[in-house]
Amino acid sequence: MRSGRNADRGRQPPDEESALSTSITIGVDAHKKTHALIAVDAVGRPLGEKTLPTSTEGHLAAGRWAGQYAVDGEVVRFAVEDCRHLTRRL
């Protein structure tokens, strides 16, 4: 058994470790007229893609689309390109 300050190097606390193992990330590539979304699992495998208009309806549809991945304790995270003039409504 290892002890000391390096004993847990590279390991995360159990609650963070389990959150990462069940997390879904939604990546958003923002454009003037559309937003392209992709859902990937914790190791980067694609789960789904969606392109939506940059309207109120499109933003609501993006939320509904992303919500399908928030089942069975899945943690859904968003990675949004920093284009504030294009993504501020998201």
N, C-alpha and C. Protein backbone atom coordinates (compact mmCIF):
# COMPACT_ATOMS: atom_id res chain seq x y z
N MET A 1 0.84 -1.18 0.00
CA MET A 1 0.00 0.00 0.00
C MET A 1 0.88 1.24 0.00
N ARG A 2 0.59 2.14 -0.91
CA ARG A 2 1.36 3.37 -1.00
C ARG A 2 0.79 4.41 -0.04
N SER A 3 1.66 5.20 0.48
CA SER A 3 1.18 6.28 1.34
C SER A 3 1.94 7.55 0.99
N GLY A 4 1.55 8.61 1.61
CA GLY A 4 2.22 9.87 1.35
C GLY A 4 1.47 10.70 0.33
N ARG A 5 2.11 11.80 -0.05
CA ARG A 5 1.38 12.73 -0.89
C ARG A 5 1.19 12.26 -2.33
N ASN A 6 1.93 11.28 -2.81
CA ASN A 6 1.77 10.79 -4.17
C ASN A 6 0.88 9.55 -4.26
N ALA A 7 0.31 9.12 -3.16
CA ALA A 7 -0.46 7.88 -3.14
C ALA A 7 -1.66 7.92 -4.09
N ASP A 8 -2.31 9.08 -4.21
CA ASP A 8 -3.51 9.17 -5.04
C ASP A 8 -3.27 9.94 -6.34
N ARG A 9 -2.03 10.07 -6.74
CA ARG A 9 -1.73 10.82 -7.96
C ARG A 9 -2.46 10.19 -9.15
N GLY A 10 -3.11 11.02 -9.94
CA GLY A 10 -3.80 10.53 -11.12
C GLY A 10 -5.19 9.98 -10.84
N ARG A 11 -5.59 9.91 -9.61
CA ARG A 11 -6.93 9.41 -9.28
C ARG A 11 -7.78 10.57 -8.83
N GLN A 12 -9.03 10.48 -9.17
CA GLN A 12 -9.98 11.51 -8.77
C GLN A 12 -10.84 10.97 -7.64
N PRO A 13 -11.41 11.86 -6.85
CA PRO A 13 -12.34 11.39 -5.82
C PRO A 13 -13.44 10.56 -6.46
N PRO A 14 -13.99 9.58 -5.76
CA PRO A 14 -14.98 8.67 -6.34
C PRO A 14 -16.16 9.37 -7.01
N ASP A 15 -16.69 10.44 -6.41
CA ASP A 15 -17.86 11.07 -7.01
C ASP A 15 -17.51 11.75 -8.33
N GLU A 16 -16.34 12.35 -8.45
CA GLU A 16 -15.93 12.96 -9.71
C GLU A 16 -15.62 11.88 -10.74
N GLU A 17 -14.99 10.80 -10.30
CA GLU A 17 -14.66 9.71 -11.20
C GLU A 17 -15.91 9.10 -11.81
N SER A 18 -16.94 8.88 -11.00
CA SER A 18 -18.17 8.30 -11.53
C SER A 18 -18.89 9.30 -12.42
N ALA A 19 -18.82 10.59 -12.12
CA ALA A 19 -19.45 11.59 -12.99
C ALA A 19 -18.79 11.61 -14.35
N LEU A 20 -17.47 11.49 -14.40
CA LEU A 20 -16.78 11.48 -15.68
C LEU A 20 -17.10 10.23 -16.48
N SER A 21 -17.26 9.11 -15.81
CA SER A 21 -17.51 7.87 -16.53
C SER A 21 -18.92 7.83 -17.12
N THR A 22 -19.81 8.69 -16.67
CA THR A 22 -21.17 8.71 -17.19
C THR A 22 -21.53 10.07 -17.77
N SER A 23 -20.54 10.79 -18.26
CA SER A 23 -20.85 12.13 -18.75
C SER A 23 -20.98 12.15 -20.27
N ILE A 24 -21.82 13.05 -20.72
CA ILE A 24 -22.03 13.32 -22.14
C ILE A 24 -21.64 14.78 -22.34
N THR A 25 -20.89 15.06 -23.39
CA THR A 25 -20.54 16.43 -23.71
C THR A 25 -21.20 16.80 -25.03
N ILE A 26 -21.85 17.95 -25.02
CA ILE A 26 -22.45 18.50 -26.23
C ILE A 26 -21.54 19.63 -26.70
N GLY A 27 -20.93 19.44 -27.84
CA GLY A 27 -20.08 20.47 -28.44
C GLY A 27 -20.91 21.32 -29.38
N VAL A 28 -20.70 22.62 -29.36
CA VAL A 28 -21.46 23.54 -30.21
C VAL A 28 -20.50 24.35 -31.07
N ASP A 29 -20.68 24.24 -32.39
CA ASP A 29 -19.94 25.05 -33.35
C ASP A 29 -20.92 26.10 -33.86
N ALA A 30 -20.68 27.34 -33.47
CA ALA A 30 -21.64 28.41 -33.74
C ALA A 30 -21.34 29.11 -35.06
N HIS A 31 -22.40 29.35 -35.81
CA HIS A 31 -22.32 30.10 -37.06
C HIS A 31 -23.43 31.15 -37.06
N LYS A 32 -23.39 32.03 -38.02
CA LYS A 32 -24.37 33.12 -38.06
C LYS A 32 -25.80 32.62 -38.24
N LYS A 33 -26.02 31.62 -39.10
CA LYS A 33 -27.38 31.16 -39.38
C LYS A 33 -27.72 29.81 -38.78
N THR A 34 -26.71 29.04 -38.39
CA THR A 34 -26.95 27.72 -37.79
C THR A 34 -25.95 27.44 -36.69
N HIS A 35 -26.34 26.54 -35.80
CA HIS A 35 -25.43 26.00 -34.79
C HIS A 35 -25.36 24.49 -35.04
N ALA A 36 -24.15 23.97 -35.10
CA ALA A 36 -23.96 22.52 -35.26
C ALA A 36 -23.62 21.96 -33.89
N LEU A 37 -24.36 20.94 -33.48
CA LEU A 37 -24.15 20.30 -32.18
C LEU A 37 -23.72 18.86 -32.39
N ILE A 38 -22.86 18.38 -31.51
CA ILE A 38 -22.48 16.98 -31.50
C ILE A 38 -22.44 16.51 -30.06
N ALA A 39 -22.95 15.33 -29.83
CA ALA A 39 -22.92 14.71 -28.50
C ALA A 39 -21.86 13.61 -28.54
N VAL A 40 -20.98 13.61 -27.54
CA VAL A 40 -19.96 12.57 -27.42
C VAL A 40 -19.99 12.00 -26.01
N ASP A 41 -19.57 10.73 -25.88
CA ASP A 41 -19.52 10.13 -24.55
C ASP A 41 -18.22 10.49 -23.86
N ALA A 42 -17.97 9.91 -22.71
CA ALA A 42 -16.82 10.27 -21.87
C ALA A 42 -15.48 10.02 -22.54
N VAL A 43 -15.43 9.14 -23.52
CA VAL A 43 -14.17 8.87 -24.21
C VAL A 43 -14.15 9.46 -25.62
N GLY A 44 -15.13 10.29 -25.95
CA GLY A 44 -15.14 11.00 -27.21
C GLY A 44 -15.83 10.32 -28.37
N ARG A 45 -16.53 9.21 -28.11
CA ARG A 45 -17.26 8.54 -29.19
C ARG A 45 -18.51 9.34 -29.53
N PRO A 46 -18.72 9.63 -30.82
CA PRO A 46 -19.91 10.39 -31.22
C PRO A 46 -21.20 9.61 -30.94
N LEU A 47 -22.18 10.32 -30.41
CA LEU A 47 -23.48 9.71 -30.11
C LEU A 47 -24.57 10.27 -31.01
N GLY A 48 -24.40 11.49 -31.49
CA GLY A 48 -25.41 12.10 -32.34
C GLY A 48 -24.98 13.50 -32.76
N GLU A 49 -25.56 13.96 -33.85
CA GLU A 49 -25.28 15.30 -34.37
C GLU A 49 -26.59 15.97 -34.75
N LYS A 50 -26.58 17.29 -34.69
CA LYS A 50 -27.78 18.05 -35.05
C LYS A 50 -27.35 19.44 -35.49
N THR A 51 -27.93 19.93 -36.56
CA THR A 51 -27.72 21.31 -37.00
C THR A 51 -29.05 22.02 -36.92
N LEU A 52 -29.05 23.16 -36.24
CA LEU A 52 -30.29 23.89 -35.98
C LEU A 52 -30.13 25.36 -36.32
N PRO A 53 -31.24 26.03 -36.64
CA PRO A 53 -31.17 27.46 -36.93
C PRO A 53 -30.90 28.27 -35.66
N THR A 54 -30.39 29.48 -35.86
CA THR A 54 -30.07 30.35 -34.73
C THR A 54 -31.26 31.22 -34.34
N SER A 55 -32.41 30.60 -34.28
CA SER A 55 -33.64 31.28 -33.89
C SER A 55 -34.05 30.80 -32.50
N THR A 56 -35.05 31.43 -31.95
CA THR A 56 -35.58 30.98 -30.66
C THR A 56 -36.02 29.53 -30.75
N GLU A 57 -36.70 29.18 -31.83
CA GLU A 57 -37.14 27.80 -32.01
C GLU A 57 -35.96 26.84 -32.09
N GLY A 58 -34.91 27.26 -32.79
CA GLY A 58 -33.70 26.43 -32.90
C GLY A 58 -33.02 26.23 -31.56
N HIS A 59 -32.97 27.30 -30.76
CA HIS A 59 -32.35 27.19 -29.43
C HIS A 59 -33.15 26.27 -28.53
N LEU A 60 -34.46 26.37 -28.58
CA LEU A 60 -35.30 25.48 -27.77
C LEU A 60 -35.15 24.03 -28.24
N ALA A 61 -35.06 23.84 -29.55
CA ALA A 61 -34.87 22.49 -30.10
C ALA A 61 -33.51 21.93 -29.66
N ALA A 62 -32.50 22.78 -29.57
CA ALA A 62 -31.18 22.33 -29.12
C ALA A 62 -31.26 21.81 -27.68
N GLY A 63 -32.00 22.52 -26.83
CA GLY A 63 -32.17 22.07 -25.45
C GLY A 63 -32.90 20.75 -25.36
N ARG A 64 -33.94 20.61 -26.17
CA ARG A 64 -34.68 19.33 -26.18
C ARG A 64 -33.79 18.20 -26.70
N TRP A 65 -33.04 18.48 -27.76
CA TRP A 65 -32.16 17.46 -28.34
C TRP A 65 -31.11 17.02 -27.32
N ALA A 66 -30.49 17.99 -26.64
CA ALA A 66 -29.47 17.66 -25.63
C ALA A 66 -30.09 16.91 -24.46
N GLY A 67 -31.34 17.24 -24.12
CA GLY A 67 -32.02 16.61 -22.99
C GLY A 67 -32.21 15.12 -23.15
N GLN A 68 -32.22 14.62 -24.37
CA GLN A 68 -32.39 13.18 -24.57
C GLN A 68 -31.22 12.39 -23.98
N TYR A 69 -30.09 13.04 -23.78
CA TYR A 69 -28.91 12.36 -23.24
C TYR A 69 -28.86 12.41 -21.71
N ALA A 70 -29.74 13.18 -21.09
CA ALA A 70 -29.76 13.33 -19.63
C ALA A 70 -30.70 12.30 -19.02
N VAL A 71 -30.41 11.04 -19.23
CA VAL A 71 -31.21 9.95 -18.68
C VAL A 71 -30.32 9.00 -17.89
N ASP A 72 -30.90 8.29 -16.98
CA ASP A 72 -30.17 7.28 -16.20
C ASP A 72 -28.93 7.84 -15.51
N GLY A 73 -29.03 9.05 -14.98
CA GLY A 73 -27.93 9.63 -14.23
C GLY A 73 -26.81 10.21 -15.06
N GLU A 74 -27.01 10.33 -16.38
CA GLU A 74 -25.98 10.91 -17.23
C GLU A 74 -25.81 12.40 -16.89
N VAL A 75 -24.57 12.84 -16.87
CA VAL A 75 -24.25 14.25 -16.67
C VAL A 75 -24.04 14.83 -18.06
N VAL A 76 -24.78 15.88 -18.41
CA VAL A 76 -24.63 16.51 -19.72
C VAL A 76 -23.90 17.84 -19.52
N ARG A 77 -22.79 17.97 -20.25
CA ARG A 77 -21.99 19.19 -20.20
C ARG A 77 -21.98 19.80 -21.58
N PHE A 78 -21.81 21.11 -21.64
CA PHE A 78 -21.75 21.81 -22.91
C PHE A 78 -20.37 22.41 -23.11
N ALA A 79 -19.86 22.30 -24.32
CA ALA A 79 -18.63 22.97 -24.74
C ALA A 79 -19.02 23.87 -25.89
N VAL A 80 -19.09 25.17 -25.61
CA VAL A 80 -19.59 26.13 -26.59
C VAL A 80 -18.45 27.00 -27.07
N GLU A 81 -18.30 27.07 -28.39
CA GLU A 81 -17.29 27.93 -29.00
C GLU A 81 -17.51 29.37 -28.50
N ASP A 82 -16.43 30.06 -28.19
CA ASP A 82 -16.54 31.41 -27.64
C ASP A 82 -16.76 32.43 -28.75
N CYS A 83 -17.98 32.51 -29.21
CA CYS A 83 -18.42 33.52 -30.19
C CYS A 83 -19.62 34.20 -29.56
N ARG A 84 -19.37 35.05 -28.61
CA ARG A 84 -20.46 35.63 -27.82
C ARG A 84 -21.55 36.28 -28.65
N HIS A 85 -21.17 36.91 -29.74
CA HIS A 85 -22.20 37.55 -30.55
C HIS A 85 -23.08 36.52 -31.25
N LEU A 86 -22.62 35.27 -31.35
CA LEU A 86 -23.41 34.21 -31.98
C LEU A 86 -24.06 33.26 -30.97
N THR A 87 -23.47 33.14 -29.79
CA THR A 87 -23.94 32.13 -28.84
C THR A 87 -24.56 32.69 -27.57
N ARG A 88 -24.65 33.97 -27.43
CA ARG A 88 -25.13 34.52 -26.16
C ARG A 88 -26.54 34.05 -25.80
N ARG A 89 -27.36 33.73 -26.77
CA ARG A 89 -28.73 33.27 -26.47
C ARG A 89 -28.79 31.80 -26.09
N LEU A 90 -27.73 31.07 -26.42
CA LEU A 90 -27.72 29.66 -26.04
C LEU A 90 -27.56 29.55 -24.53
